[in-house]
């Protein structure tokens, strides 16, 4: 993993504060990897495995945790006698997850970190869900500086590299397939379709999907205006 210092440092600065740390961002921007980076940081700083509870709700291992009661009971059974660090990835997959998070934060000596896509952890809703006891860390795709680092590029031919960045964007996974343009475009199309279908259409109950597509195309083609 290539460390994204700007975001990791924000988590480190917020460590051991009373606030729930909420990492939000577009799909595939690197939120899950950031949690793994932070877990590595904890382990390197003498926090033991027993003092860390790390759950990725996209894994079938945790399919039995369906609602906030299941989540609360599971974490309660795993909490150690020392301060426990709770890392929950894609927490929105648990029904009424915020009830478990709020209760755990009150009932135990814990430090809580959660991730979720922008569609489910909107800034306007977080203050209600978490009663204002949170710090939001907004994670974005790679900046151009990060893009150069991830691809091991130097600054020679910088204009061509910036054109590549503008063409494909900064989703971290693209660096693994950048030499296969057709695969990159297929990946980007899949991400786009997932965001439009799951995050916009389904969440907002939009019926006229053709109109939405036309609005999106209009916005994209006029982005410089």
C-alpha atoms as a PDB file:
ATOM      1  CA  UNK A   1       0.000   0.000   0.000  1.00  0.00           C
ATOM      2  CA  UNK A   2       1.213   3.497  -0.829  1.00  0.00           C
ATOM      3  CA  UNK A   3       0.538   5.703   2.188  1.00  0.00           C
ATOM      4  CA  UNK A   4      -1.787   8.667   1.641  1.00  0.00           C
ATOM      5  CA  UNK A   5      -0.222  10.806   4.327  1.00  0.00           C
ATOM      6  CA  UNK A   6      -2.706  13.665   4.239  1.00  0.00           C
ATOM      7  CA  UNK A   7      -5.605  11.438   5.301  1.00  0.00           C
ATOM      8  CA  UNK A   8      -3.666   9.107   7.574  1.00  0.00           C
ATOM      9  CA  UNK A   9      -2.283  12.100   9.466  1.00  0.00           C
ATOM     10  CA  UNK A  10      -5.811  13.419  10.009  1.00  0.00           C
ATOM     11  CA  UNK A  11      -6.807  10.117  11.594  1.00  0.00           C
ATOM     12  CA  UNK A  12      -3.683  10.104  13.738  1.00  0.00           C
ATOM     13  CA  UNK A  13      -4.363  13.674  14.914  1.00  0.00           C
ATOM     14  CA  UNK A  14      -7.924  12.676  15.885  1.00  0.00           C
ATOM     15  CA  UNK A  15      -6.845   9.455  17.632  1.00  0.00           C
ATOM     16  CA  UNK A  16      -8.039   9.015  21.232  1.00  0.00           C
ATOM     17  CA  UNK A  17     -10.392  11.990  21.097  1.00  0.00           C
ATOM     18  CA  UNK A  18     -13.979  11.511  22.254  1.00  0.00           C
ATOM     19  CA  UNK A  19     -15.305  12.003  18.731  1.00  0.00           C
ATOM     20  CA  UNK A  20     -16.369   9.277  16.301  1.00  0.00           C
ATOM     21  CA  UNK A  21     -14.168   9.511  13.218  1.00  0.00           C
ATOM     22  CA  UNK A  22     -16.208   9.256  10.004  1.00  0.00           C
ATOM     23  CA  UNK A  23     -14.405   8.716   6.686  1.00  0.00           C
ATOM     24  CA  UNK A  24     -16.608   9.606   3.723  1.00  0.00           C
ATOM     25  CA  UNK A  25     -15.950   9.718   0.011  1.00  0.00           C
ATOM     26  CA  UNK A  26     -16.945   8.546  -3.432  1.00  0.00           C
ATOM     27  CA  UNK A  27     -16.857   4.821  -4.136  1.00  0.00           C
ATOM     28  CA  UNK A  28     -13.377   3.353  -4.663  1.00  0.00           C
ATOM     29  CA  UNK A  29     -11.585   6.477  -3.454  1.00  0.00           C
ATOM     30  CA  UNK A  30      -9.540   4.441  -0.968  1.00  0.00           C
ATOM     31  CA  UNK A  31     -11.527   4.526   2.288  1.00  0.00           C
ATOM     32  CA  UNK A  32     -11.089   0.814   3.061  1.00  0.00           C
ATOM     33  CA  UNK A  33      -7.365   0.995   2.348  1.00  0.00           C
ATOM     34  CA  UNK A  34      -7.066   4.027   4.630  1.00  0.00           C
ATOM     35  CA  UNK A  35      -8.558   2.004   7.490  1.00  0.00           C
ATOM     36  CA  UNK A  36      -5.984  -0.734   6.864  1.00  0.00           C
ATOM     37  CA  UNK A  37      -3.223   1.885   6.884  1.00  0.00           C
ATOM     38  CA  UNK A  38      -4.489   3.199  10.209  1.00  0.00           C
ATOM     39  CA  UNK A  39      -4.674  -0.331  11.627  1.00  0.00           C
ATOM     40  CA  UNK A  40      -1.032  -0.844  10.621  1.00  0.00           C
ATOM     41  CA  UNK A  41      -0.169   2.421  12.373  1.00  0.00           C
ATOM     42  CA  UNK A  42      -1.863   1.208  15.570  1.00  0.00           C
ATOM     43  CA  UNK A  43      -0.048  -2.125  15.497  1.00  0.00           C
ATOM     44  CA  UNK A  44       3.292  -0.390  14.976  1.00  0.00           C
ATOM     45  CA  UNK A  45       2.553   1.787  17.996  1.00  0.00           C
ATOM     46  CA  UNK A  46       2.099  -1.061  20.476  1.00  0.00           C
ATOM     47  CA  UNK A  47      -1.657  -1.503  20.152  1.00  0.00           C
ATOM     48  CA  UNK A  48      -2.279  -5.269  20.128  1.00  0.00           C
ATOM     49  CA  UNK A  49      -4.580  -7.227  17.805  1.00  0.00           C
ATOM     50  CA  UNK A  50      -6.887  -7.907  20.775  1.00  0.00           C
ATOM     51  CA  UNK A  51      -7.351  -4.181  21.232  1.00  0.00           C
ATOM     52  CA  UNK A  52      -8.480  -3.673  17.624  1.00  0.00           C
ATOM     53  CA  UNK A  53     -11.864  -4.729  16.228  1.00  0.00           C
ATOM     54  CA  UNK A  54     -11.820  -4.401  12.443  1.00  0.00           C
ATOM     55  CA  UNK A  55     -14.948  -5.315  10.449  1.00  0.00           C
ATOM     56  CA  UNK A  56     -15.500  -4.932   6.710  1.00  0.00           C
ATOM     57  CA  UNK A  57     -19.220  -5.283   6.096  1.00  0.00           C
ATOM     58  CA  UNK A  58     -18.680  -6.122   2.435  1.00  0.00           C
ATOM     59  CA  UNK A  59     -17.259  -9.460   3.613  1.00  0.00           C
ATOM     60  CA  UNK A  60     -19.618 -12.436   3.883  1.00  0.00           C
ATOM     61  CA  UNK A  61     -17.962 -13.220   7.233  1.00  0.00           C
ATOM     62  CA  UNK A  62     -20.234 -10.635   8.838  1.00  0.00           C
ATOM     63  CA  UNK A  63     -23.518 -11.394   7.074  1.00  0.00           C
ATOM     64  CA  UNK A  64     -25.062 -12.344  10.429  1.00  0.00           C
ATOM     65  CA  UNK A  65     -24.706  -8.757  11.657  1.00  0.00           C
ATOM     66  CA  UNK A  66     -27.866  -7.325  10.149  1.00  0.00           C
ATOM     67  CA  UNK A  67     -28.962  -4.608  12.583  1.00  0.00           C
ATOM     68  CA  UNK A  68     -27.678  -2.347  15.337  1.00  0.00           C
ATOM     69  CA  UNK A  69     -28.450  -4.887  18.091  1.00  0.00           C
ATOM     70  CA  UNK A  70     -26.381  -7.576  16.346  1.00  0.00           C
ATOM     71  CA  UNK A  71     -23.545  -5.084  15.889  1.00  0.00           C
ATOM     72  CA  UNK A  72     -23.624  -3.907  19.492  1.00  0.00           C
ATOM     73  CA  UNK A  73     -23.663  -7.458  20.890  1.00  0.00           C
ATOM     74  CA  UNK A  74     -20.862  -8.628  18.592  1.00  0.00           C
ATOM     75  CA  UNK A  75     -18.529  -5.756  19.444  1.00  0.00           C
ATOM     76  CA  UNK A  76     -19.401  -5.938  23.146  1.00  0.00           C
ATOM     77  CA  UNK A  77     -18.263  -9.582  23.163  1.00  0.00           C
ATOM     78  CA  UNK A  78     -14.923  -8.615  21.575  1.00  0.00           C
ATOM     79  CA  UNK A  79     -14.019  -5.561  23.646  1.00  0.00           C
ATOM     80  CA  UNK A  80     -10.854  -6.008  25.704  1.00  0.00           C
ATOM     81  CA  UNK A  81     -10.146  -4.741  29.199  1.00  0.00           C
ATOM     82  CA  UNK A  82      -7.947  -2.019  27.705  1.00  0.00           C
ATOM     83  CA  UNK A  83      -8.989   0.774  25.384  1.00  0.00           C
ATOM     84  CA  UNK A  84     -10.364  -0.775  22.207  1.00  0.00           C
ATOM     85  CA  UNK A  85     -10.096   0.646  18.702  1.00  0.00           C
ATOM     86  CA  UNK A  86     -13.147  -0.090  16.549  1.00  0.00           C
ATOM     87  CA  UNK A  87     -12.729   0.126  12.759  1.00  0.00           C
ATOM     88  CA  UNK A  88     -15.942  -0.410  10.797  1.00  0.00           C
ATOM     89  CA  UNK A  89     -15.846  -0.415   7.002  1.00  0.00           C
ATOM     90  CA  UNK A  90     -19.035   0.271   4.969  1.00  0.00           C
ATOM     91  CA  UNK A  91     -21.071   0.507   8.166  1.00  0.00           C
ATOM     92  CA  UNK A  92     -24.184   1.638   6.286  1.00  0.00           C
ATOM     93  CA  UNK A  93     -24.846  -2.028   5.453  1.00  0.00           C
ATOM     94  CA  UNK A  94     -26.080  -2.485   9.044  1.00  0.00           C
ATOM     95  CA  UNK A  95     -29.644  -1.360   9.731  1.00  0.00           C
ATOM     96  CA  UNK A  96     -29.755   1.593  12.149  1.00  0.00           C
ATOM     97  CA  UNK A  97     -25.992   1.309  12.703  1.00  0.00           C
ATOM     98  CA  UNK A  98     -25.882   4.713  14.378  1.00  0.00           C
ATOM     99  CA  UNK A  99     -27.692   3.362  17.464  1.00  0.00           C
ATOM    100  CA  UNK A 100     -24.902   0.839  18.059  1.00  0.00           C
ATOM    101  CA  UNK A 101     -22.171   3.410  17.426  1.00  0.00           C
ATOM    102  CA  UNK A 102     -23.650   5.967  19.807  1.00  0.00           C
ATOM    103  CA  UNK A 103     -24.168   3.353  22.523  1.00  0.00           C
ATOM    104  CA  UNK A 104     -20.686   1.875  22.216  1.00  0.00           C
ATOM    105  CA  UNK A 105     -19.170   5.342  22.429  1.00  0.00           C
ATOM    106  CA  UNK A 106     -21.015   5.982  25.680  1.00  0.00           C
ATOM    107  CA  UNK A 107     -20.794   2.546  27.319  1.00  0.00           C
ATOM    108  CA  UNK A 108     -17.137   1.556  26.800  1.00  0.00           C
ATOM    109  CA  UNK A 109     -13.601   2.905  26.591  1.00  0.00           C
ATOM    110  CA  UNK A 110     -13.401   2.845  22.799  1.00  0.00           C
ATOM    111  CA  UNK A 111     -12.101   4.878  19.886  1.00  0.00           C
ATOM    112  CA  UNK A 112     -14.377   4.488  16.865  1.00  0.00           C
ATOM    113  CA  UNK A 113     -13.621   4.886  13.146  1.00  0.00           C
ATOM    114  CA  UNK A 114     -16.220   4.235  10.442  1.00  0.00           C
ATOM    115  CA  UNK A 115     -16.366   4.508   6.647  1.00  0.00           C
ATOM    116  CA  UNK A 116     -19.213   4.772   4.193  1.00  0.00           C
ATOM    117  CA  UNK A 117     -19.952   6.118   0.738  1.00  0.00           C
ATOM    118  CA  UNK A 118     -21.194   9.671   0.279  1.00  0.00           C
ATOM    119  CA  UNK A 119     -24.644   8.393  -0.657  1.00  0.00           C
ATOM    120  CA  UNK A 120     -25.272   6.953   2.811  1.00  0.00           C
ATOM    121  CA  UNK A 121     -23.256   9.219   5.099  1.00  0.00           C
ATOM    122  CA  UNK A 122     -24.266  12.658   3.909  1.00  0.00           C
ATOM    123  CA  UNK A 123     -22.827  15.523   5.924  1.00  0.00           C
ATOM    124  CA  UNK A 124     -26.312  16.924   6.418  1.00  0.00           C
ATOM    125  CA  UNK A 125     -27.442  13.671   8.069  1.00  0.00           C
ATOM    126  CA  UNK A 126     -24.386  12.830  10.163  1.00  0.00           C
ATOM    127  CA  UNK A 127     -25.078  15.494  12.773  1.00  0.00           C
ATOM    128  CA  UNK A 128     -28.496  13.946  13.388  1.00  0.00           C
ATOM    129  CA  UNK A 129     -27.320  10.330  13.308  1.00  0.00           C
ATOM    130  CA  UNK A 130     -24.332  10.827  15.605  1.00  0.00           C
ATOM    131  CA  UNK A 131     -25.663  13.636  17.795  1.00  0.00           C
ATOM    132  CA  UNK A 132     -22.857  15.977  16.760  1.00  0.00           C
ATOM    133  CA  UNK A 133     -20.140  13.797  18.359  1.00  0.00           C
ATOM    134  CA  UNK A 134     -18.122  13.136  15.230  1.00  0.00           C
ATOM    135  CA  UNK A 135     -15.290  14.363  13.029  1.00  0.00           C
ATOM    136  CA  UNK A 136     -15.806  13.915   9.284  1.00  0.00           C
ATOM    137  CA  UNK A 137     -12.771  13.214   7.115  1.00  0.00           C
ATOM    138  CA  UNK A 138     -13.671  13.645   3.462  1.00  0.00           C
ATOM    139  CA  UNK A 139     -11.557  11.434   1.240  1.00  0.00           C
ATOM    140  CA  UNK A 140     -11.080  12.318  -2.415  1.00  0.00           C
ATOM    141  CA  UNK A 141      -9.522  10.468  -5.352  1.00  0.00           C
ATOM    142  CA  UNK A 142      -5.819  11.062  -5.938  1.00  0.00           C
ATOM    143  CA  UNK A 143      -4.603  14.606  -6.393  1.00  0.00           C
ATOM    144  CA  UNK A 144      -2.218  15.123  -9.318  1.00  0.00           C
ATOM    145  CA  UNK A 145       0.710  15.061  -6.873  1.00  0.00           C
ATOM    146  CA  UNK A 146      -0.506  11.734  -5.474  1.00  0.00           C
ATOM    147  CA  UNK A 147      -1.149  10.470  -9.009  1.00  0.00           C
ATOM    148  CA  UNK A 148       2.532  11.041  -9.890  1.00  0.00           C
ATOM    149  CA  UNK A 149       3.618   9.258  -6.715  1.00  0.00           C
ATOM    150  CA  UNK A 150       1.301   6.270  -7.177  1.00  0.00           C
ATOM    151  CA  UNK A 151       2.514   5.774 -10.752  1.00  0.00           C
ATOM    152  CA  UNK A 152       6.179   6.301  -9.848  1.00  0.00           C
ATOM    153  CA  UNK A 153       6.370   9.184 -12.330  1.00  0.00           C
ATOM    154  CA  UNK A 154       9.003  11.889 -12.221  1.00  0.00           C
ATOM    155  CA  UNK A 155       8.264  15.397 -13.508  1.00  0.00           C
ATOM    156  CA  UNK A 156       9.661  14.916 -16.995  1.00  0.00           C
ATOM    157  CA  UNK A 157       7.000  15.173 -19.701  1.00  0.00           C
ATOM    158  CA  UNK A 158       4.684  16.616 -17.084  1.00  0.00           C
ATOM    159  CA  UNK A 159       2.085  17.825 -19.614  1.00  0.00           C
ATOM    160  CA  UNK A 160       1.532  14.319 -21.009  1.00  0.00           C
ATOM    161  CA  UNK A 161       1.158  12.951 -17.497  1.00  0.00           C
ATOM    162  CA  UNK A 162      -1.323  15.666 -16.614  1.00  0.00           C
ATOM    163  CA  UNK A 163      -3.303  14.792 -19.754  1.00  0.00           C
ATOM    164  CA  UNK A 164      -3.381  11.156 -18.600  1.00  0.00           C
ATOM    165  CA  UNK A 165      -4.590  12.288 -15.185  1.00  0.00           C
ATOM    166  CA  UNK A 166      -7.313  14.438 -16.744  1.00  0.00           C
ATOM    167  CA  UNK A 167      -8.395  11.599 -19.042  1.00  0.00           C
ATOM    168  CA  UNK A 168      -8.629   8.791 -16.490  1.00  0.00           C
ATOM    169  CA  UNK A 169      -9.053  10.605 -13.179  1.00  0.00           C
ATOM    170  CA  UNK A 170      -7.580   9.764  -9.811  1.00  0.00           C
ATOM    171  CA  UNK A 171      -9.236   6.583  -8.566  1.00  0.00           C
ATOM    172  CA  UNK A 172      -6.329   4.665  -6.977  1.00  0.00           C
ATOM    173  CA  UNK A 173      -7.113   1.284  -8.600  1.00  0.00           C
ATOM    174  CA  UNK A 174      -6.526   2.742 -12.065  1.00  0.00           C
ATOM    175  CA  UNK A 175      -2.786   2.811 -11.364  1.00  0.00           C
ATOM    176  CA  UNK A 176      -2.846  -1.008 -11.412  1.00  0.00           C
ATOM    177  CA  UNK A 177      -4.359  -1.227 -14.911  1.00  0.00           C
ATOM    178  CA  UNK A 178      -3.187   2.037 -16.505  1.00  0.00           C
ATOM    179  CA  UNK A 179      -1.409   0.181 -19.323  1.00  0.00           C
ATOM    180  CA  UNK A 180      -4.717  -1.333 -20.462  1.00  0.00           C
ATOM    181  CA  UNK A 181      -6.872   1.586 -21.673  1.00  0.00           C
ATOM    182  CA  UNK A 182      -9.895  -0.569 -22.542  1.00  0.00           C
ATOM    183  CA  UNK A 183      -9.891  -2.079 -19.061  1.00  0.00           C
ATOM    184  CA  UNK A 184      -9.585   1.376 -17.478  1.00  0.00           C
ATOM    185  CA  UNK A 185     -12.575   2.686 -19.413  1.00  0.00           C
ATOM    186  CA  UNK A 186     -14.608  -0.408 -18.507  1.00  0.00           C
ATOM    187  CA  UNK A 187     -13.719   0.066 -14.831  1.00  0.00           C
ATOM    188  CA  UNK A 188     -14.687   3.743 -14.907  1.00  0.00           C
ATOM    189  CA  UNK A 189     -17.968   2.941 -16.646  1.00  0.00           C
ATOM    190  CA  UNK A 190     -18.792   0.346 -13.992  1.00  0.00           C
ATOM    191  CA  UNK A 191     -18.066   2.846 -11.201  1.00  0.00           C
ATOM    192  CA  UNK A 192     -20.213   5.473 -12.935  1.00  0.00           C
ATOM    193  CA  UNK A 193     -23.125   3.058 -13.380  1.00  0.00           C
ATOM    194  CA  UNK A 194     -22.909   1.924  -9.758  1.00  0.00           C
ATOM    195  CA  UNK A 195     -22.943   5.500  -8.463  1.00  0.00           C
ATOM    196  CA  UNK A 196     -25.840   6.530 -10.692  1.00  0.00           C
ATOM    197  CA  UNK A 197     -27.878   3.366 -10.078  1.00  0.00           C
ATOM    198  CA  UNK A 198     -27.272   2.674  -6.380  1.00  0.00           C
ATOM    199  CA  UNK A 199     -26.328   6.043  -4.945  1.00  0.00           C
ATOM    200  CA  UNK A 200     -28.612   8.351  -6.898  1.00  0.00           C
ATOM    201  CA  UNK A 201     -31.512   6.508  -8.529  1.00  0.00           C
ATOM    202  CA  UNK A 202     -32.255   3.921  -5.832  1.00  0.00           C
ATOM    203  CA  UNK A 203     -31.644   6.178  -2.837  1.00  0.00           C
ATOM    204  CA  UNK A 204     -33.778   9.021  -4.178  1.00  0.00           C
ATOM    205  CA  UNK A 205     -36.444   6.907  -5.881  1.00  0.00           C
ATOM    206  CA  UNK A 206     -35.927   8.584  -9.250  1.00  0.00           C
ATOM    207  CA  UNK A 207     -38.345   7.331 -11.884  1.00  0.00           C
ATOM    208  CA  UNK A 208     -37.231   9.225 -14.994  1.00  0.00           C
ATOM    209  CA  UNK A 209     -33.733   7.789 -15.364  1.00  0.00           C
ATOM    210  CA  UNK A 210     -33.400   9.013 -18.971  1.00  0.00           C
ATOM    211  CA  UNK A 211     -33.849  12.609 -17.823  1.00  0.00           C
ATOM    212  CA  UNK A 212     -31.249  12.117 -15.099  1.00  0.00           C
ATOM    213  CA  UNK A 213     -28.760  10.754 -17.660  1.00  0.00           C
ATOM    214  CA  UNK A 214     -29.331  13.790 -19.883  1.00  0.00           C
ATOM    215  CA  UNK A 215     -28.797  16.168 -16.955  1.00  0.00           C
ATOM    216  CA  UNK A 216     -25.557  14.394 -16.027  1.00  0.00           C
ATOM    217  CA  UNK A 217     -24.270  14.555 -19.614  1.00  0.00           C
ATOM    218  CA  UNK A 218     -25.160  18.239 -19.794  1.00  0.00           C
ATOM    219  CA  UNK A 219     -23.320  18.983 -16.530  1.00  0.00           C
ATOM    220  CA  UNK A 220     -20.237  17.041 -17.641  1.00  0.00           C
ATOM    221  CA  UNK A 221     -20.002  18.726 -21.028  1.00  0.00           C
ATOM    222  CA  UNK A 222     -20.381  22.154 -19.403  1.00  0.00           C
ATOM    223  CA  UNK A 223     -18.107  21.620 -16.431  1.00  0.00           C
ATOM    224  CA  UNK A 224     -15.814  24.487 -17.477  1.00  0.00           C
ATOM    225  CA  UNK A 225     -18.741  26.893 -17.341  1.00  0.00           C
END
